Amino acid sequence: MNILVCGVGGQGVLLFSDIISNLALRNGLDVKKSEVHGLAQRGGSVTSHIRFGPKVYSPLIEEGTADAVVAFERLEALRYVHFLCPSGRLFYDSHRIDPLPVSIGTAERVPDDQIEARLAARAPRRQMVPAFKTALELGNVRVQNTVMLGAVSSCLGFPDESIKQSLTELVKPAARELNLKAFAVGQAISACP
């Protein structure tokens, strides 16, 4: 399986990827992962390629071959949707973070309806997940990634208990209870057919 995860620095893209990788390893699969997070601390784009299966030779996902693209931010979904294979699924957060040029007024904001139209053209199998909004309602935006993990979980093909075990293994003890709650709420938001 090929999963491309993308977002903006601080959204938990790397922890999400670590949990998926740990989960696949725990279930006896070969895993390769690659990350790009050069400007992550300044709100820049963060991506992670995760590949797992009986035998994986390269950590990088080629364009048009991802089984899933998981985007923690709407513009990042648009930026990376071309990695999706024709039958792949796009999960993306409705939350939007404007890039710096838009924030300072040197570039125009792309209207949400244009983004949605472009995503619809590239990803017929897509689901908008209100992960940021849900995390905010749970009291901590830092669990946005765990809400998204719950939303994506039924598509991964792993038992819930195994996912929860990887989650609790990788989050700090003080944050485990909230993350498990966020995971459960995310599961209620989405289900794969």
N, C-alpha and C. Protein backbone atom coordinates (compact mmCIF):
# COMPACT_ATOMS: atom_id res chain seq x y z
N MET A 1 0.85 -1.18 0.00
CA MET A 1 0.00 0.00 0.00
C MET A 1 0.89 1.23 0.00
N ASN A 2 0.50 2.23 -0.74
CA ASN A 2 1.22 3.50 -0.83
C ASN A 2 0.34 4.62 -0.28
N ILE A 3 0.85 5.31 0.75
CA ILE A 3 0.10 6.42 1.35
C ILE A 3 0.98 7.65 1.38
N LEU A 4 0.51 8.73 0.77
CA LEU A 4 1.21 10.00 0.84
C LEU A 4 0.47 10.88 1.84
N VAL A 5 1.20 11.37 2.82
CA VAL A 5 0.61 12.23 3.86
C VAL A 5 1.21 13.61 3.69
N CYS A 6 0.37 14.64 3.72
CA CYS A 6 0.88 16.00 3.53
C CYS A 6 0.14 16.97 4.44
N GLY A 7 0.82 18.05 4.74
CA GLY A 7 0.24 19.07 5.59
C GLY A 7 1.22 20.21 5.75
N VAL A 8 1.03 20.95 6.82
CA VAL A 8 1.85 22.12 7.12
C VAL A 8 2.55 21.84 8.44
N GLY A 9 3.73 22.40 8.61
CA GLY A 9 4.49 22.19 9.83
C GLY A 9 3.65 22.41 11.08
N GLY A 10 3.74 21.48 12.02
CA GLY A 10 3.01 21.58 13.27
C GLY A 10 1.69 20.84 13.30
N GLN A 11 1.28 20.25 12.18
CA GLN A 11 -0.01 19.55 12.14
C GLN A 11 0.07 18.08 12.52
N GLY A 12 1.25 17.57 12.75
CA GLY A 12 1.39 16.17 13.17
C GLY A 12 1.52 15.17 12.04
N VAL A 13 1.95 15.64 10.87
CA VAL A 13 2.14 14.75 9.72
C VAL A 13 3.14 13.64 10.05
N LEU A 14 4.24 14.01 10.69
CA LEU A 14 5.29 13.02 10.95
C LEU A 14 4.87 11.99 11.99
N LEU A 15 4.17 12.40 13.03
CA LEU A 15 3.67 11.44 14.01
C LEU A 15 2.66 10.50 13.36
N PHE A 16 1.77 11.04 12.55
CA PHE A 16 0.79 10.22 11.82
C PHE A 16 1.52 9.15 11.01
N SER A 17 2.58 9.56 10.31
CA SER A 17 3.36 8.63 9.48
C SER A 17 4.08 7.59 10.32
N ASP A 18 4.60 8.02 11.45
CA ASP A 18 5.27 7.08 12.36
C ASP A 18 4.30 6.02 12.87
N ILE A 19 3.08 6.44 13.18
CA ILE A 19 2.07 5.49 13.68
C ILE A 19 1.72 4.47 12.61
N ILE A 20 1.51 4.92 11.37
CA ILE A 20 1.19 4.01 10.26
C ILE A 20 2.35 3.05 10.03
N SER A 21 3.58 3.57 10.03
CA SER A 21 4.75 2.72 9.81
C SER A 21 4.90 1.68 10.91
N ASN A 22 4.74 2.11 12.16
CA ASN A 22 4.81 1.20 13.30
C ASN A 22 3.74 0.12 13.19
N LEU A 23 2.57 0.53 12.80
CA LEU A 23 1.44 -0.39 12.64
C LEU A 23 1.74 -1.47 11.60
N ALA A 24 2.26 -1.07 10.45
CA ALA A 24 2.57 -2.03 9.39
C ALA A 24 3.68 -2.98 9.84
N LEU A 25 4.72 -2.45 10.50
CA LEU A 25 5.79 -3.30 11.02
C LEU A 25 5.25 -4.29 12.04
N ARG A 26 4.40 -3.81 12.93
CA ARG A 26 3.79 -4.64 13.97
C ARG A 26 3.01 -5.80 13.35
N ASN A 27 2.49 -5.59 12.15
CA ASN A 27 1.72 -6.62 11.46
C ASN A 27 2.54 -7.41 10.46
N GLY A 28 3.86 -7.36 10.60
CA GLY A 28 4.75 -8.21 9.82
C GLY A 28 5.02 -7.78 8.40
N LEU A 29 4.77 -6.53 8.07
CA LEU A 29 4.98 -6.06 6.70
C LEU A 29 6.31 -5.32 6.58
N ASP A 30 6.83 -5.30 5.38
CA ASP A 30 8.01 -4.50 5.07
C ASP A 30 7.54 -3.06 4.90
N VAL A 31 8.27 -2.12 5.48
CA VAL A 31 7.86 -0.71 5.46
C VAL A 31 9.02 0.15 5.02
N LYS A 32 8.72 1.12 4.16
CA LYS A 32 9.69 2.15 3.78
C LYS A 32 8.98 3.48 3.93
N LYS A 33 9.72 4.47 4.47
CA LYS A 33 9.12 5.79 4.69
C LYS A 33 10.14 6.86 4.33
N SER A 34 9.65 7.92 3.74
CA SER A 34 10.50 9.06 3.39
C SER A 34 9.76 10.33 3.79
N GLU A 35 10.50 11.30 4.33
CA GLU A 35 9.89 12.54 4.80
C GLU A 35 10.59 13.75 4.21
N VAL A 36 9.82 14.81 4.00
CA VAL A 36 10.38 16.10 3.62
C VAL A 36 9.77 17.11 4.58
N HIS A 37 10.63 17.73 5.39
CA HIS A 37 10.11 18.69 6.37
C HIS A 37 11.09 19.82 6.61
N GLY A 38 11.69 20.32 5.54
CA GLY A 38 12.69 21.37 5.65
C GLY A 38 12.20 22.65 6.31
N LEU A 39 11.02 23.12 5.95
CA LEU A 39 10.50 24.37 6.50
C LEU A 39 9.35 24.13 7.48
N ALA A 40 9.32 22.94 8.04
CA ALA A 40 8.18 22.56 8.88
C ALA A 40 7.95 23.51 10.04
N GLN A 41 9.02 24.01 10.64
CA GLN A 41 8.84 24.86 11.81
C GLN A 41 8.28 26.23 11.46
N ARG A 42 8.31 26.61 10.22
CA ARG A 42 7.82 27.92 9.80
C ARG A 42 6.50 27.82 9.06
N GLY A 43 5.80 26.73 9.22
CA GLY A 43 4.51 26.58 8.56
C GLY A 43 4.62 26.14 7.12
N GLY A 44 5.78 25.62 6.74
CA GLY A 44 5.99 25.15 5.38
C GLY A 44 5.38 23.77 5.16
N SER A 45 5.40 23.34 3.93
CA SER A 45 4.84 22.06 3.54
C SER A 45 5.65 20.91 4.14
N VAL A 46 4.93 19.90 4.60
CA VAL A 46 5.54 18.69 5.14
C VAL A 46 4.90 17.50 4.43
N THR A 47 5.72 16.60 3.91
CA THR A 47 5.18 15.40 3.26
C THR A 47 5.88 14.17 3.80
N SER A 48 5.16 13.07 3.73
CA SER A 48 5.72 11.78 4.11
C SER A 48 5.16 10.73 3.15
N HIS A 49 6.06 9.95 2.59
CA HIS A 49 5.68 8.83 1.74
C HIS A 49 5.79 7.58 2.60
N ILE A 50 4.74 6.78 2.66
CA ILE A 50 4.76 5.53 3.41
C ILE A 50 4.37 4.41 2.45
N ARG A 51 5.23 3.40 2.39
CA ARG A 51 4.93 2.25 1.54
C ARG A 51 5.08 0.99 2.39
N PHE A 52 4.09 0.12 2.33
CA PHE A 52 4.21 -1.14 3.06
C PHE A 52 3.55 -2.27 2.30
N GLY A 53 4.07 -3.47 2.51
CA GLY A 53 3.58 -4.67 1.85
C GLY A 53 4.51 -5.82 2.15
N PRO A 54 4.36 -6.96 1.44
CA PRO A 54 5.25 -8.10 1.69
C PRO A 54 6.72 -7.75 1.46
N LYS A 55 7.00 -6.99 0.39
CA LYS A 55 8.37 -6.53 0.12
C LYS A 55 8.29 -5.19 -0.59
N VAL A 56 8.97 -4.20 -0.04
CA VAL A 56 8.99 -2.84 -0.60
C VAL A 56 10.44 -2.48 -0.88
N TYR A 57 10.71 -1.95 -2.06
CA TYR A 57 12.09 -1.67 -2.45
C TYR A 57 12.47 -0.20 -2.37
N SER A 58 11.51 0.69 -2.47
CA SER A 58 11.82 2.12 -2.47
C SER A 58 10.86 2.85 -1.54
N PRO A 59 11.34 3.88 -0.85
CA PRO A 59 10.44 4.63 0.03
C PRO A 59 9.58 5.67 -0.70
N LEU A 60 9.92 5.97 -1.94
CA LEU A 60 9.22 7.05 -2.64
C LEU A 60 8.04 6.53 -3.46
N ILE A 61 6.97 7.26 -3.41
CA ILE A 61 5.76 6.95 -4.18
C ILE A 61 5.82 7.75 -5.47
N GLU A 62 5.66 7.06 -6.58
CA GLU A 62 5.64 7.75 -7.87
C GLU A 62 4.29 8.43 -8.08
N GLU A 63 4.30 9.50 -8.86
CA GLU A 63 3.05 10.19 -9.18
C GLU A 63 2.08 9.20 -9.82
N GLY A 64 0.82 9.29 -9.41
CA GLY A 64 -0.22 8.43 -9.98
C GLY A 64 -0.27 7.02 -9.40
N THR A 65 0.45 6.75 -8.29
CA THR A 65 0.47 5.40 -7.74
C THR A 65 0.05 5.30 -6.27
N ALA A 66 -0.32 6.39 -5.65
CA ALA A 66 -0.71 6.35 -4.23
C ALA A 66 -2.11 5.76 -4.07
N ASP A 67 -2.23 4.82 -3.17
CA ASP A 67 -3.55 4.26 -2.85
C ASP A 67 -4.37 5.25 -2.05
N ALA A 68 -3.67 6.10 -1.30
CA ALA A 68 -4.36 7.13 -0.51
C ALA A 68 -3.46 8.35 -0.39
N VAL A 69 -4.07 9.51 -0.46
CA VAL A 69 -3.42 10.77 -0.10
C VAL A 69 -4.20 11.29 1.09
N VAL A 70 -3.47 11.55 2.17
CA VAL A 70 -4.07 12.07 3.40
C VAL A 70 -3.53 13.48 3.59
N ALA A 71 -4.39 14.47 3.44
CA ALA A 71 -3.97 15.87 3.50
C ALA A 71 -4.59 16.55 4.72
N PHE A 72 -3.74 17.13 5.54
CA PHE A 72 -4.20 17.79 6.76
C PHE A 72 -4.63 19.23 6.50
N GLU A 73 -4.56 19.64 5.24
CA GLU A 73 -4.89 21.02 4.88
C GLU A 73 -5.34 21.02 3.43
N ARG A 74 -6.33 21.83 3.11
CA ARG A 74 -6.98 21.82 1.80
C ARG A 74 -6.03 22.14 0.63
N LEU A 75 -5.21 23.17 0.77
CA LEU A 75 -4.29 23.51 -0.32
C LEU A 75 -3.23 22.43 -0.52
N GLU A 76 -2.82 21.78 0.56
CA GLU A 76 -1.87 20.67 0.43
C GLU A 76 -2.51 19.50 -0.31
N ALA A 77 -3.81 19.29 -0.12
CA ALA A 77 -4.52 18.26 -0.87
C ALA A 77 -4.42 18.55 -2.36
N LEU A 78 -4.65 19.80 -2.73
CA LEU A 78 -4.56 20.21 -4.13
C LEU A 78 -3.14 20.05 -4.66
N ARG A 79 -2.17 20.37 -3.85
CA ARG A 79 -0.76 20.30 -4.26
C ARG A 79 -0.31 18.86 -4.53
N TYR A 80 -0.87 17.88 -3.82
CA TYR A 80 -0.37 16.50 -3.92
C TYR A 80 -1.37 15.48 -4.47
N VAL A 81 -2.55 15.91 -4.88
CA VAL A 81 -3.57 14.98 -5.37
C VAL A 81 -3.09 14.22 -6.62
N HIS A 82 -2.15 14.78 -7.37
CA HIS A 82 -1.67 14.10 -8.58
C HIS A 82 -0.90 12.81 -8.27
N PHE A 83 -0.56 12.58 -7.01
CA PHE A 83 0.09 11.32 -6.63
C PHE A 83 -0.91 10.17 -6.57
N LEU A 84 -2.19 10.47 -6.49
CA LEU A 84 -3.23 9.47 -6.32
C LEU A 84 -3.37 8.60 -7.57
N CYS A 85 -3.53 7.29 -7.38
CA CYS A 85 -3.82 6.41 -8.51
C CYS A 85 -5.30 6.56 -8.86
N PRO A 86 -5.72 6.13 -10.05
CA PRO A 86 -7.11 6.34 -10.47
C PRO A 86 -8.15 5.78 -9.49
N SER A 87 -7.84 4.69 -8.81
CA SER A 87 -8.80 4.12 -7.86
C SER A 87 -8.51 4.53 -6.41
N GLY A 88 -7.55 5.43 -6.23
CA GLY A 88 -7.14 5.83 -4.88
C GLY A 88 -8.15 6.72 -4.19
N ARG A 89 -7.94 6.88 -2.88
CA ARG A 89 -8.84 7.69 -2.06
C ARG A 89 -8.10 8.91 -1.52
N LEU A 90 -8.77 10.03 -1.55
CA LEU A 90 -8.25 11.26 -0.98
C LEU A 90 -9.03 11.57 0.29
N PHE A 91 -8.31 11.72 1.39
CA PHE A 91 -8.87 12.20 2.65
C PHE A 91 -8.25 13.56 2.89
N TYR A 92 -9.06 14.58 3.07
CA TYR A 92 -8.48 15.90 3.28
C TYR A 92 -9.29 16.70 4.28
N ASP A 93 -8.57 17.52 5.03
CA ASP A 93 -9.21 18.35 6.04
C ASP A 93 -9.80 19.57 5.37
N SER A 94 -10.94 19.99 5.87
CA SER A 94 -11.59 21.19 5.35
C SER A 94 -10.87 22.46 5.80
N HIS A 95 -10.02 22.33 6.80
CA HIS A 95 -9.27 23.48 7.33
C HIS A 95 -8.30 24.01 6.27
N ARG A 96 -8.09 25.30 6.30
CA ARG A 96 -7.22 25.93 5.31
C ARG A 96 -6.28 26.90 5.99
N ILE A 97 -5.01 26.83 5.62
CA ILE A 97 -4.00 27.75 6.11
C ILE A 97 -3.43 28.46 4.89
N ASP A 98 -3.65 29.75 4.82
CA ASP A 98 -3.16 30.49 3.66
C ASP A 98 -1.64 30.57 3.68
N PRO A 99 -1.01 30.41 2.51
CA PRO A 99 0.45 30.57 2.44
C PRO A 99 0.85 32.02 2.72
N LEU A 100 2.09 32.22 3.08
CA LEU A 100 2.58 33.54 3.45
C LEU A 100 2.28 34.62 2.40
N PRO A 101 2.53 34.37 1.09
CA PRO A 101 2.23 35.43 0.11
C PRO A 101 0.77 35.89 0.13
N VAL A 102 -0.15 34.98 0.41
CA VAL A 102 -1.57 35.35 0.51
C VAL A 102 -1.79 36.14 1.80
N SER A 103 -1.18 35.68 2.89
CA SER A 103 -1.35 36.35 4.19
C SER A 103 -0.86 37.80 4.18
N ILE A 104 0.22 38.05 3.44
CA ILE A 104 0.77 39.42 3.42
C ILE A 104 0.24 40.25 2.25
N GLY A 105 -0.63 39.65 1.43
CA GLY A 105 -1.29 40.40 0.38
C GLY A 105 -0.55 40.50 -0.95
N THR A 106 0.48 39.69 -1.15
CA THR A 106 1.20 39.74 -2.43
C THR A 106 0.71 38.70 -3.43
N ALA A 107 -0.20 37.84 -3.00
CA ALA A 107 -0.80 36.85 -3.89
C ALA A 107 -2.28 36.75 -3.55
N GLU A 108 -3.06 36.31 -4.54
CA GLU A 108 -4.50 36.17 -4.32
C GLU A 108 -4.84 34.80 -3.77
N ARG A 109 -5.87 34.76 -2.98
CA ARG A 109 -6.36 33.52 -2.39
C ARG A 109 -7.18 32.77 -3.44
N VAL A 110 -6.89 31.49 -3.62
CA VAL A 110 -7.69 30.66 -4.52
C VAL A 110 -9.00 30.35 -3.81
N PRO A 111 -10.14 30.66 -4.44
CA PRO A 111 -11.43 30.40 -3.79
C PRO A 111 -11.64 28.91 -3.51
N ASP A 112 -12.30 28.63 -2.39
CA ASP A 112 -12.53 27.24 -1.99
C ASP A 112 -13.28 26.45 -3.05
N ASP A 113 -14.24 27.08 -3.74
CA ASP A 113 -14.99 26.34 -4.76
C ASP A 113 -14.11 25.91 -5.92
N GLN A 114 -13.08 26.70 -6.24
CA GLN A 114 -12.14 26.31 -7.29
C GLN A 114 -11.28 25.13 -6.83
N ILE A 115 -10.87 25.17 -5.58
CA ILE A 115 -10.09 24.05 -5.03
C ILE A 115 -10.94 22.78 -5.08
N GLU A 116 -12.19 22.88 -4.64
CA GLU A 116 -13.08 21.71 -4.63
C GLU A 116 -13.28 21.16 -6.04
N ALA A 117 -13.44 22.04 -7.02
CA ALA A 117 -13.64 21.59 -8.41
C ALA A 117 -12.40 20.85 -8.92
N ARG A 118 -11.23 21.37 -8.60
CA ARG A 118 -9.99 20.71 -9.04
C ARG A 118 -9.81 19.36 -8.35
N LEU A 119 -10.13 19.30 -7.07
CA LEU A 119 -10.02 18.03 -6.35
C LEU A 119 -11.02 17.01 -6.89
N ALA A 120 -12.23 17.46 -7.19
CA ALA A 120 -13.26 16.56 -7.74
C ALA A 120 -12.82 15.98 -9.07
N ALA A 121 -12.15 16.78 -9.88
CA ALA A 121 -11.69 16.31 -11.19
C ALA A 121 -10.59 15.26 -11.07
N ARG A 122 -9.76 15.38 -10.05
CA ARG A 122 -8.62 14.47 -9.88
C ARG A 122 -8.90 13.30 -8.96
N ALA A 123 -9.87 13.43 -8.07
CA ALA A 123 -10.10 12.41 -7.04
C ALA A 123 -11.59 12.14 -6.84
N PRO A 124 -12.17 11.29 -7.70
CA PRO A 124 -13.58 10.98 -7.53
C PRO A 124 -13.89 10.34 -6.17
N ARG A 125 -12.93 9.60 -5.64
CA ARG A 125 -13.11 8.95 -4.32
C ARG A 125 -12.41 9.82 -3.27
N ARG A 126 -13.16 10.77 -2.76
CA ARG A 126 -12.56 11.70 -1.81
C ARG A 126 -13.52 11.94 -0.65
N GLN A 127 -12.92 12.28 0.47
CA GLN A 127 -13.74 12.62 1.64
C GLN A 127 -13.11 13.77 2.39
N MET A 128 -13.91 14.80 2.61
CA MET A 128 -13.47 15.91 3.43
C MET A 128 -13.71 15.51 4.89
N VAL A 129 -12.66 15.63 5.69
CA VAL A 129 -12.73 15.26 7.11
C VAL A 129 -12.49 16.52 7.94
N PRO A 130 -13.42 16.92 8.78
CA PRO A 130 -13.23 18.13 9.59
C PRO A 130 -12.33 17.86 10.81
N ALA A 131 -11.12 17.40 10.55
CA ALA A 131 -10.23 16.97 11.63
C ALA A 131 -9.79 18.14 12.51
N PHE A 132 -9.44 19.27 11.91
CA PHE A 132 -9.01 20.43 12.71
C PHE A 132 -10.16 20.92 13.58
N LYS A 133 -11.33 21.07 12.98
CA LYS A 133 -12.51 21.54 13.72
C LYS A 133 -12.85 20.57 14.85
N THR A 134 -12.77 19.29 14.57
CA THR A 134 -13.07 18.28 15.58
C THR A 134 -12.05 18.33 16.72
N ALA A 135 -10.77 18.47 16.36
CA ALA A 135 -9.72 18.56 17.38
C ALA A 135 -9.93 19.79 18.26
N LEU A 136 -10.33 20.88 17.64
CA LEU A 136 -10.63 22.11 18.39
C LEU A 136 -11.78 21.87 19.38
N GLU A 137 -12.80 21.17 18.93
CA GLU A 137 -13.93 20.85 19.80
C GLU A 137 -13.53 19.91 20.94
N LEU A 138 -12.52 19.07 20.69
CA LEU A 138 -12.02 18.17 21.73
C LEU A 138 -11.09 18.89 22.71
N GLY A 139 -10.74 20.14 22.38
CA GLY A 139 -9.95 20.94 23.30
C GLY A 139 -8.47 21.05 23.00
N ASN A 140 -8.00 20.43 21.91
CA ASN A 140 -6.58 20.51 21.59
C ASN A 140 -6.37 20.25 20.10
N VAL A 141 -5.97 21.29 19.36
CA VAL A 141 -5.78 21.14 17.91
C VAL A 141 -4.65 20.17 17.57
N ARG A 142 -3.83 19.84 18.54
CA ARG A 142 -2.71 18.92 18.29
C ARG A 142 -3.18 17.49 18.02
N VAL A 143 -4.46 17.18 18.27
CA VAL A 143 -4.96 15.83 17.97
C VAL A 143 -5.64 15.78 16.59
N GLN A 144 -5.44 16.81 15.79
CA GLN A 144 -5.96 16.80 14.42
C GLN A 144 -5.49 15.55 13.68
N ASN A 145 -4.21 15.21 13.85
CA ASN A 145 -3.66 14.05 13.16
C ASN A 145 -4.32 12.75 13.61
N THR A 146 -4.67 12.67 14.89
CA THR A 146 -5.29 11.45 15.41
C THR A 146 -6.75 11.34 14.97
N VAL A 147 -7.43 12.46 14.84
CA VAL A 147 -8.78 12.44 14.28
C VAL A 147 -8.70 11.92 12.85
N MET A 148 -7.73 12.41 12.09
CA MET A 148 -7.56 11.96 10.70
C MET A 148 -7.19 10.48 10.66
N LEU A 149 -6.35 10.03 11.59
CA LEU A 149 -6.01 8.60 11.65
C LEU A 149 -7.26 7.75 11.84
N GLY A 150 -8.14 8.18 12.73
CA GLY A 150 -9.40 7.46 12.93
C GLY A 150 -10.24 7.43 11.67
N ALA A 151 -10.29 8.55 10.96
CA ALA A 151 -11.08 8.63 9.72
C ALA A 151 -10.54 7.70 8.64
N VAL A 152 -9.24 7.53 8.60
CA VAL A 152 -8.59 6.72 7.57
C VAL A 152 -8.49 5.24 7.98
N SER A 153 -8.62 4.96 9.25
CA SER A 153 -8.28 3.65 9.80
C SER A 153 -8.98 2.46 9.15
N SER A 154 -10.24 2.60 8.80
CA SER A 154 -10.95 1.45 8.24
C SER A 154 -10.47 1.09 6.83
N CYS A 155 -9.72 1.99 6.20
CA CYS A 155 -9.17 1.71 4.87
C CYS A 155 -7.81 1.03 4.93
N LEU A 156 -7.22 0.97 6.11
CA LEU A 156 -5.86 0.44 6.23
C LEU A 156 -5.80 -1.08 6.26
N GLY A 157 -6.88 -1.72 6.67
CA GLY A 157 -6.89 -3.18 6.70
C GLY A 157 -6.26 -3.79 7.94
N PHE A 158 -6.09 -3.00 8.99
CA PHE A 158 -5.52 -3.51 10.24
C PHE A 158 -6.59 -3.51 11.33
N PRO A 159 -6.47 -4.43 12.29
CA PRO A 159 -7.43 -4.43 13.41
C PRO A 159 -7.32 -3.16 14.24
N ASP A 160 -8.46 -2.70 14.74
CA ASP A 160 -8.49 -1.50 15.58
C ASP A 160 -7.53 -1.58 16.75
N GLU A 161 -7.48 -2.73 17.40
CA GLU A 161 -6.61 -2.86 18.58
C GLU A 161 -5.15 -2.67 18.22
N SER A 162 -4.76 -3.12 17.05
CA SER A 162 -3.38 -2.95 16.59
C SER A 162 -3.08 -1.47 16.34
N ILE A 163 -4.04 -0.77 15.76
CA ILE A 163 -3.87 0.66 15.51
C ILE A 163 -3.75 1.40 16.84
N LYS A 164 -4.63 1.08 17.77
CA LYS A 164 -4.59 1.74 19.08
C LYS A 164 -3.29 1.45 19.82
N GLN A 165 -2.77 0.24 19.65
CA GLN A 165 -1.51 -0.12 20.30
C GLN A 165 -0.36 0.73 19.74
N SER A 166 -0.31 0.89 18.42
CA SER A 166 0.72 1.73 17.80
C SER A 166 0.56 3.18 18.25
N LEU A 167 -0.66 3.64 18.32
CA LEU A 167 -0.94 5.01 18.75
C LEU A 167 -0.45 5.24 20.18
N THR A 168 -0.83 4.37 21.09
CA THR A 168 -0.43 4.57 22.49
C THR A 168 1.07 4.40 22.69
N GLU A 169 1.69 3.61 21.85
CA GLU A 169 3.13 3.42 21.94
C GLU A 169 3.90 4.68 21.55
N LEU A 170 3.34 5.47 20.64
CA LEU A 170 4.09 6.60 20.09
C LEU A 170 3.69 7.97 20.63
N VAL A 171 2.59 8.08 21.32
CA VAL A 171 2.25 9.38 21.92
C VAL A 171 2.66 9.39 23.39
N LYS A 172 2.91 10.57 23.89
CA LYS A 172 3.32 10.71 25.29
C LYS A 172 2.20 10.22 26.22
N PRO A 173 2.58 9.62 27.35
CA PRO A 173 1.56 9.09 28.27
C PRO A 173 0.48 10.11 28.65
N ALA A 174 0.87 11.35 28.86
CA ALA A 174 -0.11 12.37 29.27
C ALA A 174 -1.14 12.67 28.18
N ALA A 175 -0.80 12.35 26.93
CA ALA A 175 -1.69 12.66 25.81
C ALA A 175 -2.46 11.44 25.30
N ARG A 176 -2.24 10.29 25.87
CA ARG A 176 -2.84 9.05 25.35
C ARG A 176 -4.36 9.06 25.40
N GLU A 177 -4.93 9.43 26.52
CA GLU A 177 -6.39 9.38 26.67
C GLU A 177 -7.08 10.27 25.63
N LEU A 178 -6.60 11.50 25.48
CA LEU A 178 -7.20 12.42 24.50
C LEU A 178 -7.01 11.90 23.08
N ASN A 179 -5.84 11.33 22.79
CA ASN A 179 -5.59 10.81 21.44
C ASN A 179 -6.48 9.61 21.14
N LEU A 180 -6.70 8.75 22.10
CA LEU A 180 -7.61 7.61 21.88
C LEU A 180 -9.04 8.10 21.65
N LYS A 181 -9.43 9.14 22.36
CA LYS A 181 -10.76 9.72 22.15
C LYS A 181 -10.85 10.35 20.76
N ALA A 182 -9.81 11.07 20.35
CA ALA A 182 -9.78 11.69 19.02
C ALA A 182 -9.83 10.63 17.93
N PHE A 183 -9.13 9.52 18.14
CA PHE A 183 -9.15 8.41 17.19
C PHE A 183 -10.57 7.87 17.03
N ALA A 184 -11.26 7.65 18.15
CA ALA A 184 -12.63 7.12 18.12
C ALA A 184 -13.58 8.09 17.41
N VAL A 185 -13.43 9.38 17.67
CA VAL A 185 -14.27 10.38 17.01
C VAL A 185 -13.99 10.37 15.50
N GLY A 186 -12.72 10.25 15.12
CA GLY A 186 -12.36 10.18 13.71
C GLY A 186 -12.96 8.96 13.03
N GLN A 187 -12.98 7.84 13.73
CA GLN A 187 -13.60 6.63 13.17
C GLN A 187 -15.08 6.85 12.89
N ALA A 188 -15.75 7.58 13.75
CA ALA A 188 -17.18 7.84 13.57
C ALA A 188 -17.44 8.77 12.38
N ILE A 189 -16.45 9.57 12.02
CA ILE A 189 -16.60 10.52 10.91
C ILE A 189 -16.57 9.80 9.57
N SER A 190 -15.75 8.76 9.46
CA SER A 190 -15.50 8.16 8.16
C SER A 190 -15.51 6.64 8.24
N ALA A 191 -15.90 6.04 7.15
CA ALA A 191 -15.79 4.59 7.02
C ALA A 191 -15.58 4.26 5.55
N CYS A 192 -14.63 3.39 5.28
CA CYS A 192 -14.39 2.97 3.90
C CYS A 192 -15.38 1.88 3.53
N PRO A 193 -15.83 1.90 2.29
CA PRO A 193 -16.76 0.84 1.85
C PRO A 193 -16.06 -0.50 1.74
